[in-house]
């Protein structure tokens, strides 16, 4: 499950907006495709069907860096970069594949994903997912941008609860994540 999925794509007429580049909504749709590709290339897809789990995207954010113009070829890399017992964080990067921008990241998306067992009405612990896919536990370092992403989700959740009157929240400050894991950051951003 910790392998990287790489999908080669191109900006097509159905992907563009009035600026003649990849429209914002297509990034999220393509990220869905990248996650499905990742699941199908690992044992995760089989585990999902065998156990009747439902994969869920709980939180997503995209940072746009460079436009992807009409007909531009690019690759989408999808990789699990952090996990806790409740969920995993997948980083998905849109990367130019030709010309002067070759290797430069056009956009980066982060998605918090988890497995839900509808029969049990409960989320599946990540260690169970790892066991079901014969994936050895690998500790991944909590990078600052991932920590900020997880804090953002907690802050939004706290705000939603407060505004709905479900639970009073005095502060939106969220403590640092507890599960510190290790992974080198050697990416070409340009």
N, C-alpha and C. Protein backbone atom coordinates (compact mmCIF):
# COMPACT_ATOMS: atom_id res chain seq x y z
N UNK A 1 0.81 -1.21 0.00
CA UNK A 1 0.00 0.00 0.00
C UNK A 1 0.85 1.26 0.00
N UNK A 2 2.11 1.15 0.36
CA UNK A 2 2.95 2.34 0.42
C UNK A 2 3.65 2.62 -0.90
N UNK A 3 3.32 1.86 -1.94
CA UNK A 3 3.90 2.15 -3.24
C UNK A 3 3.19 3.35 -3.86
N UNK A 4 3.83 3.94 -4.86
CA UNK A 4 3.31 5.13 -5.53
C UNK A 4 2.59 4.72 -6.80
N UNK A 5 1.41 5.24 -7.01
CA UNK A 5 0.67 5.06 -8.26
C UNK A 5 1.00 6.23 -9.17
N UNK A 6 1.28 5.95 -10.44
CA UNK A 6 1.56 7.00 -11.41
C UNK A 6 0.66 6.78 -12.62
N UNK A 7 -0.14 7.79 -12.94
CA UNK A 7 -1.06 7.73 -14.07
C UNK A 7 -0.70 8.84 -15.04
N UNK A 8 -0.56 8.51 -16.32
CA UNK A 8 -0.29 9.50 -17.35
C UNK A 8 -1.61 10.03 -17.91
N UNK A 9 -1.75 11.35 -17.93
CA UNK A 9 -3.00 11.99 -18.37
C UNK A 9 -2.69 13.14 -19.31
N UNK A 10 -3.73 13.74 -19.87
CA UNK A 10 -3.61 14.90 -20.74
C UNK A 10 -4.84 15.78 -20.50
N UNK A 11 -4.68 17.09 -20.60
CA UNK A 11 -5.80 18.02 -20.45
C UNK A 11 -6.63 17.98 -21.73
N UNK A 12 -7.85 17.49 -21.63
CA UNK A 12 -8.74 17.30 -22.77
C UNK A 12 -9.78 18.42 -22.85
N UNK A 13 -10.52 18.52 -23.96
CA UNK A 13 -11.55 19.57 -24.08
C UNK A 13 -12.58 19.56 -22.94
N UNK A 14 -12.92 18.38 -22.44
CA UNK A 14 -13.90 18.30 -21.34
C UNK A 14 -13.31 18.72 -20.00
N UNK A 15 -12.00 18.98 -19.94
CA UNK A 15 -11.33 19.34 -18.69
C UNK A 15 -11.10 20.83 -18.51
N UNK A 16 -11.35 21.63 -19.54
CA UNK A 16 -10.92 23.03 -19.51
C UNK A 16 -12.05 23.99 -19.12
N UNK A 17 -11.63 25.17 -18.68
CA UNK A 17 -12.57 26.24 -18.37
C UNK A 17 -12.36 27.39 -19.36
N UNK A 18 -12.92 28.56 -19.10
CA UNK A 18 -12.82 29.67 -20.05
C UNK A 18 -11.38 30.20 -20.17
N UNK A 19 -10.51 29.83 -19.27
CA UNK A 19 -9.10 30.23 -19.36
C UNK A 19 -8.30 29.23 -20.19
N UNK A 20 -8.95 28.25 -20.74
CA UNK A 20 -8.35 27.21 -21.59
C UNK A 20 -7.25 26.45 -20.84
N UNK A 21 -7.50 26.16 -19.58
CA UNK A 21 -6.62 25.30 -18.80
C UNK A 21 -7.46 24.39 -17.91
N UNK A 22 -6.81 23.42 -17.28
CA UNK A 22 -7.51 22.46 -16.44
C UNK A 22 -8.32 23.20 -15.38
N UNK A 23 -9.62 22.97 -15.38
CA UNK A 23 -10.50 23.66 -14.45
C UNK A 23 -10.38 23.06 -13.04
N UNK A 24 -10.63 23.87 -12.04
CA UNK A 24 -10.42 23.47 -10.65
C UNK A 24 -11.12 22.18 -10.27
N UNK A 25 -12.37 22.01 -10.70
CA UNK A 25 -13.13 20.83 -10.30
C UNK A 25 -12.56 19.54 -10.86
N UNK A 26 -11.89 19.60 -11.97
CA UNK A 26 -11.32 18.39 -12.57
C UNK A 26 -10.15 17.85 -11.76
N UNK A 27 -9.45 18.72 -11.02
CA UNK A 27 -8.35 18.24 -10.19
C UNK A 27 -8.87 17.20 -9.19
N UNK A 28 -9.97 17.53 -8.52
CA UNK A 28 -10.52 16.59 -7.53
C UNK A 28 -11.02 15.31 -8.19
N UNK A 29 -11.63 15.44 -9.36
CA UNK A 29 -12.10 14.24 -10.07
C UNK A 29 -10.92 13.37 -10.48
N UNK A 30 -9.85 14.00 -10.97
CA UNK A 30 -8.67 13.22 -11.36
C UNK A 30 -7.99 12.61 -10.14
N UNK A 31 -8.04 13.30 -9.01
CA UNK A 31 -7.48 12.74 -7.78
C UNK A 31 -8.27 11.48 -7.37
N UNK A 32 -9.59 11.50 -7.55
CA UNK A 32 -10.40 10.29 -7.31
C UNK A 32 -9.88 9.15 -8.18
N UNK A 33 -9.67 9.44 -9.44
CA UNK A 33 -9.17 8.43 -10.38
C UNK A 33 -7.81 7.90 -9.91
N UNK A 34 -6.93 8.80 -9.45
CA UNK A 34 -5.62 8.38 -8.96
C UNK A 34 -5.72 7.47 -7.75
N UNK A 35 -6.66 7.74 -6.86
CA UNK A 35 -6.84 6.89 -5.68
C UNK A 35 -7.39 5.52 -6.08
N UNK A 36 -8.30 5.48 -7.04
CA UNK A 36 -8.83 4.19 -7.52
C UNK A 36 -7.70 3.40 -8.18
N UNK A 37 -6.86 4.09 -8.96
CA UNK A 37 -5.71 3.42 -9.58
C UNK A 37 -4.79 2.84 -8.50
N UNK A 38 -4.53 3.61 -7.45
CA UNK A 38 -3.68 3.15 -6.36
C UNK A 38 -4.28 1.90 -5.71
N UNK A 39 -5.59 1.92 -5.45
CA UNK A 39 -6.25 0.77 -4.84
C UNK A 39 -6.18 -0.45 -5.74
N UNK A 40 -6.36 -0.24 -7.05
CA UNK A 40 -6.38 -1.39 -7.96
C UNK A 40 -4.99 -1.97 -8.18
N UNK A 41 -3.95 -1.19 -7.98
CA UNK A 41 -2.59 -1.68 -8.19
C UNK A 41 -1.99 -2.29 -6.91
N UNK A 42 -2.68 -2.14 -5.82
CA UNK A 42 -2.23 -2.73 -4.57
C UNK A 42 -3.25 -3.77 -4.13
N UNK A 43 -2.99 -4.43 -3.04
CA UNK A 43 -3.94 -5.43 -2.52
C UNK A 43 -5.13 -4.78 -1.84
N UNK A 44 -5.12 -3.46 -1.77
CA UNK A 44 -6.21 -2.76 -1.10
C UNK A 44 -7.54 -2.96 -1.80
N UNK A 45 -7.54 -2.92 -3.14
CA UNK A 45 -8.78 -3.11 -3.88
C UNK A 45 -9.44 -4.45 -3.56
N UNK A 46 -8.66 -5.52 -3.52
CA UNK A 46 -9.20 -6.84 -3.20
C UNK A 46 -9.72 -6.88 -1.77
N UNK A 47 -8.99 -6.25 -0.85
CA UNK A 47 -9.42 -6.23 0.56
C UNK A 47 -10.73 -5.48 0.72
N UNK A 48 -10.91 -4.40 -0.05
CA UNK A 48 -12.15 -3.62 0.01
C UNK A 48 -13.33 -4.49 -0.41
N UNK A 49 -13.20 -5.20 -1.53
CA UNK A 49 -14.30 -6.04 -2.01
C UNK A 49 -14.53 -7.26 -1.11
N UNK A 50 -13.44 -7.87 -0.65
CA UNK A 50 -13.55 -9.06 0.20
C UNK A 50 -14.27 -8.73 1.52
N UNK A 51 -13.94 -7.57 2.10
CA UNK A 51 -14.51 -7.19 3.40
C UNK A 51 -15.73 -6.29 3.29
N UNK A 52 -16.10 -5.92 2.05
CA UNK A 52 -17.23 -5.03 1.81
C UNK A 52 -17.06 -3.69 2.52
N UNK A 53 -15.83 -3.17 2.47
CA UNK A 53 -15.55 -1.85 3.03
C UNK A 53 -15.94 -0.76 2.05
N UNK A 54 -16.14 0.41 2.57
CA UNK A 54 -16.40 1.58 1.74
C UNK A 54 -15.25 2.56 1.92
N UNK A 55 -14.48 2.85 0.86
CA UNK A 55 -13.42 3.84 0.99
C UNK A 55 -14.04 5.24 1.00
N UNK A 56 -13.61 6.06 1.94
CA UNK A 56 -14.15 7.41 2.08
C UNK A 56 -13.03 8.45 2.06
N UNK A 57 -13.29 9.53 1.36
CA UNK A 57 -12.42 10.71 1.44
C UNK A 57 -13.07 11.64 2.45
N UNK A 58 -12.37 11.89 3.56
CA UNK A 58 -12.95 12.70 4.63
C UNK A 58 -12.65 14.18 4.51
N UNK A 59 -11.51 14.51 3.89
CA UNK A 59 -11.07 15.91 3.83
C UNK A 59 -10.08 16.01 2.68
N UNK A 60 -10.18 17.08 1.89
CA UNK A 60 -9.26 17.26 0.77
C UNK A 60 -8.91 18.73 0.60
N UNK A 61 -7.71 18.96 0.15
CA UNK A 61 -7.28 20.32 -0.19
C UNK A 61 -6.34 20.24 -1.38
N UNK A 62 -6.35 21.27 -2.21
CA UNK A 62 -5.49 21.33 -3.38
C UNK A 62 -4.78 22.67 -3.40
N UNK A 63 -3.48 22.63 -3.68
CA UNK A 63 -2.71 23.86 -3.87
C UNK A 63 -2.32 23.92 -5.33
N UNK A 64 -2.77 24.97 -6.01
CA UNK A 64 -2.48 25.15 -7.42
C UNK A 64 -1.20 25.99 -7.55
N UNK A 65 -0.23 25.50 -8.34
CA UNK A 65 1.05 26.21 -8.49
C UNK A 65 1.25 26.73 -9.91
N UNK A 66 0.98 25.89 -10.90
CA UNK A 66 1.16 26.25 -12.31
C UNK A 66 -0.07 25.75 -13.06
N UNK A 67 -0.48 26.49 -14.07
CA UNK A 67 -1.63 26.03 -14.85
C UNK A 67 -1.23 24.88 -15.76
N UNK A 68 -2.17 24.00 -15.97
CA UNK A 68 -2.01 22.91 -16.93
C UNK A 68 -2.86 23.28 -18.15
N UNK A 69 -2.22 23.74 -19.23
CA UNK A 69 -2.97 24.22 -20.39
C UNK A 69 -3.58 23.09 -21.21
N UNK A 70 -4.49 23.47 -22.09
CA UNK A 70 -5.18 22.56 -22.99
C UNK A 70 -4.20 21.67 -23.73
N UNK A 71 -4.46 20.38 -23.73
CA UNK A 71 -3.70 19.32 -24.39
C UNK A 71 -2.34 19.02 -23.73
N UNK A 72 -2.06 19.62 -22.59
CA UNK A 72 -0.79 19.38 -21.89
C UNK A 72 -0.78 17.97 -21.30
N UNK A 73 0.25 17.17 -21.60
CA UNK A 73 0.39 15.87 -20.94
C UNK A 73 0.99 16.08 -19.54
N UNK A 74 0.57 15.26 -18.61
CA UNK A 74 1.10 15.34 -17.25
C UNK A 74 0.93 13.98 -16.59
N UNK A 75 1.57 13.82 -15.45
CA UNK A 75 1.36 12.59 -14.69
C UNK A 75 0.78 12.96 -13.33
N UNK A 76 0.00 12.04 -12.80
CA UNK A 76 -0.59 12.19 -11.47
C UNK A 76 0.01 11.10 -10.59
N UNK A 77 0.76 11.51 -9.58
CA UNK A 77 1.33 10.57 -8.62
C UNK A 77 0.47 10.56 -7.37
N UNK A 78 0.17 9.37 -6.87
CA UNK A 78 -0.65 9.22 -5.66
C UNK A 78 0.10 8.30 -4.71
N UNK A 79 0.27 8.77 -3.47
CA UNK A 79 1.06 8.01 -2.50
C UNK A 79 0.59 8.30 -1.08
N UNK A 80 0.50 7.25 -0.28
CA UNK A 80 0.19 7.43 1.15
C UNK A 80 1.45 7.98 1.82
N UNK A 81 1.31 9.14 2.46
CA UNK A 81 2.47 9.79 3.06
C UNK A 81 2.41 9.84 4.59
N UNK A 82 1.27 9.45 5.16
CA UNK A 82 1.14 9.45 6.61
C UNK A 82 -0.09 8.63 6.97
N UNK A 83 -0.09 8.08 8.15
CA UNK A 83 -1.26 7.36 8.61
C UNK A 83 -1.35 7.40 10.12
N UNK A 84 -2.59 7.30 10.58
CA UNK A 84 -2.89 7.13 12.00
C UNK A 84 -3.76 5.88 12.09
N UNK A 85 -4.18 5.54 13.25
CA UNK A 85 -5.03 4.36 13.42
C UNK A 85 -6.41 4.60 12.79
N UNK A 86 -6.82 5.85 12.62
CA UNK A 86 -8.14 6.17 12.08
C UNK A 86 -8.17 6.36 10.57
N UNK A 87 -7.06 6.83 9.99
CA UNK A 87 -7.09 7.21 8.57
C UNK A 87 -5.68 7.30 8.01
N UNK A 88 -5.61 7.48 6.70
CA UNK A 88 -4.34 7.70 6.02
C UNK A 88 -4.43 9.02 5.27
N UNK A 89 -3.29 9.62 5.02
CA UNK A 89 -3.23 10.83 4.21
C UNK A 89 -2.52 10.47 2.92
N UNK A 90 -3.19 10.77 1.81
CA UNK A 90 -2.59 10.52 0.50
C UNK A 90 -2.22 11.86 -0.11
N UNK A 91 -0.98 11.92 -0.60
CA UNK A 91 -0.54 13.11 -1.34
C UNK A 91 -0.62 12.78 -2.81
N UNK A 92 -1.21 13.70 -3.58
CA UNK A 92 -1.38 13.50 -5.01
C UNK A 92 -0.82 14.72 -5.73
N UNK A 93 0.14 14.45 -6.64
CA UNK A 93 0.83 15.55 -7.30
C UNK A 93 0.66 15.47 -8.82
N UNK A 94 0.32 16.62 -9.41
CA UNK A 94 0.19 16.78 -10.85
C UNK A 94 1.53 17.33 -11.35
N UNK A 95 2.20 16.58 -12.22
CA UNK A 95 3.57 16.91 -12.62
C UNK A 95 3.70 16.99 -14.13
N UNK A 96 4.32 18.07 -14.61
CA UNK A 96 4.57 18.21 -16.05
C UNK A 96 5.50 17.09 -16.52
N UNK A 97 5.27 16.61 -17.73
CA UNK A 97 6.08 15.49 -18.25
C UNK A 97 6.89 15.83 -19.49
N UNK A 98 6.81 17.07 -19.94
CA UNK A 98 7.61 17.42 -21.13
C UNK A 98 7.96 18.91 -21.11
N UNK A 99 8.89 19.27 -22.00
CA UNK A 99 9.27 20.67 -22.17
C UNK A 99 10.09 21.21 -21.01
N UNK A 100 10.16 22.53 -20.94
CA UNK A 100 10.96 23.20 -19.91
C UNK A 100 10.42 22.96 -18.51
N UNK A 101 9.16 22.65 -18.38
CA UNK A 101 8.56 22.43 -17.06
C UNK A 101 8.60 20.96 -16.63
N UNK A 102 9.21 20.10 -17.43
CA UNK A 102 9.24 18.67 -17.13
C UNK A 102 9.75 18.44 -15.70
N UNK A 103 8.98 17.68 -14.93
CA UNK A 103 9.34 17.38 -13.55
C UNK A 103 8.84 18.38 -12.53
N UNK A 104 8.28 19.49 -12.98
CA UNK A 104 7.80 20.53 -12.06
C UNK A 104 6.36 20.21 -11.65
N UNK A 105 6.08 20.42 -10.38
CA UNK A 105 4.75 20.16 -9.82
C UNK A 105 3.80 21.30 -10.20
N UNK A 106 2.69 20.96 -10.84
CA UNK A 106 1.67 21.94 -11.21
C UNK A 106 0.69 22.16 -10.06
N UNK A 107 0.38 21.10 -9.33
CA UNK A 107 -0.56 21.19 -8.20
C UNK A 107 -0.31 20.00 -7.27
N UNK A 108 -0.61 20.22 -6.00
CA UNK A 108 -0.49 19.17 -4.99
C UNK A 108 -1.80 19.08 -4.23
N UNK A 109 -2.31 17.88 -4.10
CA UNK A 109 -3.52 17.65 -3.33
C UNK A 109 -3.23 16.73 -2.15
N UNK A 110 -3.88 16.98 -1.05
CA UNK A 110 -3.82 16.11 0.12
C UNK A 110 -5.24 15.64 0.42
N UNK A 111 -5.37 14.35 0.68
CA UNK A 111 -6.68 13.78 0.97
C UNK A 111 -6.56 12.86 2.18
N UNK A 112 -7.44 13.06 3.15
CA UNK A 112 -7.52 12.15 4.30
C UNK A 112 -8.52 11.08 3.93
N UNK A 113 -8.08 9.82 3.92
CA UNK A 113 -8.93 8.72 3.49
C UNK A 113 -9.05 7.68 4.60
N UNK A 114 -10.17 7.00 4.61
CA UNK A 114 -10.37 5.93 5.59
C UNK A 114 -11.29 4.88 4.99
N UNK A 115 -11.33 3.74 5.66
CA UNK A 115 -12.22 2.64 5.26
C UNK A 115 -13.34 2.54 6.27
N UNK A 116 -14.55 2.37 5.76
CA UNK A 116 -15.71 2.25 6.62
C UNK A 116 -16.37 0.90 6.40
N UNK A 117 -16.66 0.24 7.48
CA UNK A 117 -17.35 -1.06 7.43
C UNK A 117 -18.82 -0.81 7.75
N UNK A 118 -19.65 -0.86 6.71
CA UNK A 118 -21.08 -0.55 6.88
C UNK A 118 -21.78 -1.59 7.77
N UNK A 119 -21.38 -2.84 7.68
CA UNK A 119 -22.00 -3.88 8.51
C UNK A 119 -21.73 -3.63 9.99
N UNK A 120 -20.51 -3.24 10.31
CA UNK A 120 -20.14 -2.97 11.69
C UNK A 120 -20.49 -1.54 12.12
N UNK A 121 -20.81 -0.69 11.14
CA UNK A 121 -21.10 0.73 11.38
C UNK A 121 -19.93 1.39 12.12
N UNK A 122 -18.74 1.13 11.58
CA UNK A 122 -17.53 1.64 12.22
C UNK A 122 -16.41 1.80 11.18
N UNK A 123 -15.50 2.72 11.48
CA UNK A 123 -14.32 2.86 10.64
C UNK A 123 -13.36 1.71 10.93
N UNK A 124 -12.68 1.28 9.90
CA UNK A 124 -11.73 0.17 10.02
C UNK A 124 -10.38 0.73 10.46
N UNK A 125 -9.79 0.21 11.54
CA UNK A 125 -8.48 0.68 11.97
C UNK A 125 -7.43 0.47 10.87
N UNK A 126 -6.53 1.41 10.73
CA UNK A 126 -5.52 1.33 9.68
C UNK A 126 -4.66 0.08 9.83
N UNK A 127 -4.36 -0.32 11.05
CA UNK A 127 -3.56 -1.54 11.22
C UNK A 127 -4.29 -2.76 10.69
N UNK A 128 -5.62 -2.77 10.77
CA UNK A 128 -6.41 -3.87 10.19
C UNK A 128 -6.30 -3.83 8.67
N UNK A 129 -6.37 -2.64 8.09
CA UNK A 129 -6.23 -2.50 6.64
C UNK A 129 -4.85 -3.00 6.20
N UNK A 130 -3.82 -2.65 6.95
CA UNK A 130 -2.46 -3.10 6.63
C UNK A 130 -2.37 -4.63 6.71
N UNK A 131 -2.96 -5.22 7.74
CA UNK A 131 -2.95 -6.68 7.88
C UNK A 131 -3.68 -7.35 6.72
N UNK A 132 -4.85 -6.81 6.35
CA UNK A 132 -5.66 -7.40 5.28
C UNK A 132 -4.98 -7.31 3.91
N UNK A 133 -4.02 -6.41 3.77
CA UNK A 133 -3.32 -6.25 2.49
C UNK A 133 -1.90 -6.80 2.55
N UNK A 134 -1.58 -7.49 3.64
CA UNK A 134 -0.23 -8.05 3.84
C UNK A 134 0.85 -6.98 3.71
N UNK A 135 0.54 -5.78 4.19
CA UNK A 135 1.48 -4.66 4.13
C UNK A 135 2.19 -4.53 5.47
N UNK A 136 3.51 -4.64 5.49
CA UNK A 136 4.22 -4.43 6.74
C UNK A 136 4.03 -3.00 7.23
N UNK A 137 3.90 -2.85 8.53
CA UNK A 137 3.74 -1.51 9.11
C UNK A 137 5.01 -0.72 8.81
N UNK A 138 4.82 0.44 8.24
CA UNK A 138 5.94 1.33 7.94
C UNK A 138 5.67 2.67 8.61
N UNK A 139 6.60 3.09 9.42
CA UNK A 139 6.46 4.38 10.09
C UNK A 139 6.78 5.50 9.10
N UNK A 140 5.90 6.48 9.01
CA UNK A 140 6.07 7.62 8.11
C UNK A 140 6.16 8.89 8.95
N UNK A 141 7.15 9.71 8.67
CA UNK A 141 7.35 10.94 9.43
C UNK A 141 6.24 11.95 9.14
N UNK A 142 5.77 12.57 10.19
CA UNK A 142 4.75 13.61 10.05
C UNK A 142 5.43 14.89 9.55
N UNK A 143 5.27 15.17 8.27
CA UNK A 143 5.84 16.38 7.68
C UNK A 143 4.99 17.59 8.09
N UNK A 144 5.60 18.79 8.15
CA UNK A 144 4.86 19.98 8.60
C UNK A 144 3.58 20.27 7.79
N UNK A 145 3.63 20.08 6.47
CA UNK A 145 2.43 20.36 5.67
C UNK A 145 1.31 19.36 5.95
N UNK A 146 1.66 18.13 6.29
CA UNK A 146 0.65 17.13 6.63
C UNK A 146 0.05 17.45 8.00
N UNK A 147 0.89 17.84 8.93
CA UNK A 147 0.39 18.23 10.25
C UNK A 147 -0.57 19.41 10.15
N UNK A 148 -0.21 20.40 9.32
CA UNK A 148 -1.09 21.57 9.13
C UNK A 148 -2.42 21.14 8.50
N UNK A 149 -2.36 20.22 7.55
CA UNK A 149 -3.57 19.70 6.89
C UNK A 149 -4.49 19.02 7.91
N UNK A 150 -3.91 18.19 8.77
CA UNK A 150 -4.71 17.50 9.78
C UNK A 150 -5.28 18.47 10.80
N UNK A 151 -4.51 19.49 11.17
CA UNK A 151 -5.02 20.51 12.09
C UNK A 151 -6.15 21.30 11.44
N UNK A 152 -6.02 21.59 10.15
CA UNK A 152 -7.06 22.30 9.42
C UNK A 152 -8.37 21.54 9.49
N UNK A 153 -8.30 20.22 9.26
CA UNK A 153 -9.52 19.41 9.31
C UNK A 153 -10.16 19.47 10.69
N UNK A 154 -9.34 19.34 11.73
CA UNK A 154 -9.88 19.39 13.10
C UNK A 154 -10.51 20.74 13.39
N UNK A 155 -9.89 21.82 12.91
CA UNK A 155 -10.43 23.16 13.13
C UNK A 155 -11.77 23.33 12.41
N UNK A 156 -11.87 22.84 11.19
CA UNK A 156 -13.13 22.93 10.45
C UNK A 156 -14.21 22.11 11.15
N UNK A 157 -13.84 20.92 11.60
CA UNK A 157 -14.79 20.06 12.31
C UNK A 157 -15.28 20.75 13.59
N UNK A 158 -14.37 21.37 14.33
CA UNK A 158 -14.74 22.06 15.56
C UNK A 158 -15.67 23.24 15.26
N UNK A 159 -15.36 23.97 14.20
CA UNK A 159 -16.20 25.10 13.80
C UNK A 159 -17.60 24.63 13.42
N UNK A 160 -17.68 23.54 12.65
CA UNK A 160 -18.99 23.01 12.25
C UNK A 160 -19.81 22.61 13.46
N UNK A 161 -19.18 21.94 14.42
CA UNK A 161 -19.89 21.50 15.63
C UNK A 161 -20.36 22.70 16.44
N UNK A 162 -19.49 23.70 16.54
CA UNK A 162 -19.84 24.90 17.30
C UNK A 162 -20.99 25.63 16.63
N UNK A 163 -20.91 25.83 15.31
CA UNK A 163 -21.95 26.58 14.61
C UNK A 163 -23.28 25.82 14.57
N UNK A 164 -23.23 24.48 14.67
CA UNK A 164 -24.45 23.68 14.69
C UNK A 164 -25.01 23.54 16.11
N UNK A 165 -24.28 24.04 17.10
CA UNK A 165 -24.73 23.95 18.48
C UNK A 165 -24.57 22.56 19.06
N UNK A 166 -23.78 21.71 18.40
CA UNK A 166 -23.60 20.34 18.88
C UNK A 166 -22.69 20.30 20.10
N UNK A 167 -21.61 21.05 20.04
CA UNK A 167 -20.65 21.04 21.14
C UNK A 167 -19.98 22.40 21.23
N UNK A 168 -19.94 22.98 22.41
CA UNK A 168 -19.25 24.26 22.53
C UNK A 168 -17.75 24.08 22.35
N UNK A 169 -17.15 24.99 21.64
CA UNK A 169 -15.71 24.97 21.42
C UNK A 169 -15.18 26.34 21.79
N UNK A 170 -14.35 26.39 22.84
CA UNK A 170 -13.79 27.66 23.27
C UNK A 170 -12.67 28.13 22.37
N UNK A 171 -11.96 27.18 21.78
CA UNK A 171 -10.81 27.53 20.96
C UNK A 171 -10.72 26.57 19.78
N UNK A 172 -10.25 27.06 18.66
CA UNK A 172 -10.04 26.20 17.51
C UNK A 172 -8.60 25.72 17.45
N UNK A 173 -7.83 25.97 18.49
CA UNK A 173 -6.45 25.47 18.53
C UNK A 173 -6.48 23.96 18.66
N UNK A 174 -5.71 23.31 17.84
CA UNK A 174 -5.65 21.86 17.83
C UNK A 174 -4.24 21.43 18.21
N UNK A 175 -4.09 20.51 19.16
CA UNK A 175 -2.74 20.07 19.54
C UNK A 175 -2.05 19.32 18.40
N UNK A 176 -0.74 19.25 18.45
CA UNK A 176 0.04 18.55 17.43
C UNK A 176 -0.37 17.09 17.36
N UNK A 177 -0.24 16.53 16.18
CA UNK A 177 -0.56 15.12 15.99
C UNK A 177 0.39 14.26 16.82
N UNK A 178 -0.11 13.12 17.26
CA UNK A 178 0.67 12.27 18.16
C UNK A 178 1.55 11.27 17.44
N UNK A 179 1.13 10.80 16.29
CA UNK A 179 1.81 9.70 15.61
C UNK A 179 2.91 10.23 14.68
N UNK A 180 4.12 10.49 15.18
CA UNK A 180 5.21 11.02 14.38
C UNK A 180 5.91 9.88 13.66
N UNK A 181 5.94 9.94 12.33
CA UNK A 181 6.51 8.87 11.51
C UNK A 181 7.57 9.43 10.58
N UNK A 182 8.31 8.59 9.79
CA UNK A 182 9.47 9.07 9.03
C UNK A 182 9.40 8.84 7.52
N UNK A 183 9.71 9.90 6.75
CA UNK A 183 9.78 9.81 5.28
C UNK A 183 10.59 11.00 4.78
N UNK A 184 11.57 10.75 3.94
CA UNK A 184 12.39 11.83 3.40
C UNK A 184 11.58 12.65 2.40
N UNK A 185 11.83 13.95 2.36
CA UNK A 185 11.16 14.84 1.42
C UNK A 185 12.15 15.26 0.35
N UNK A 186 12.15 14.58 -0.80
CA UNK A 186 13.13 14.85 -1.85
C UNK A 186 12.42 15.13 -3.17
N UNK A 187 11.49 16.06 -3.16
CA UNK A 187 10.68 16.31 -4.34
C UNK A 187 11.19 17.51 -5.13
N UNK A 188 11.02 17.46 -6.44
CA UNK A 188 11.39 18.57 -7.33
C UNK A 188 10.16 19.44 -7.54
N UNK A 189 10.21 20.67 -7.06
CA UNK A 189 9.05 21.56 -7.18
C UNK A 189 9.23 22.64 -8.25
N UNK A 190 10.44 23.03 -8.55
CA UNK A 190 10.69 24.01 -9.61
C UNK A 190 10.24 25.39 -9.30
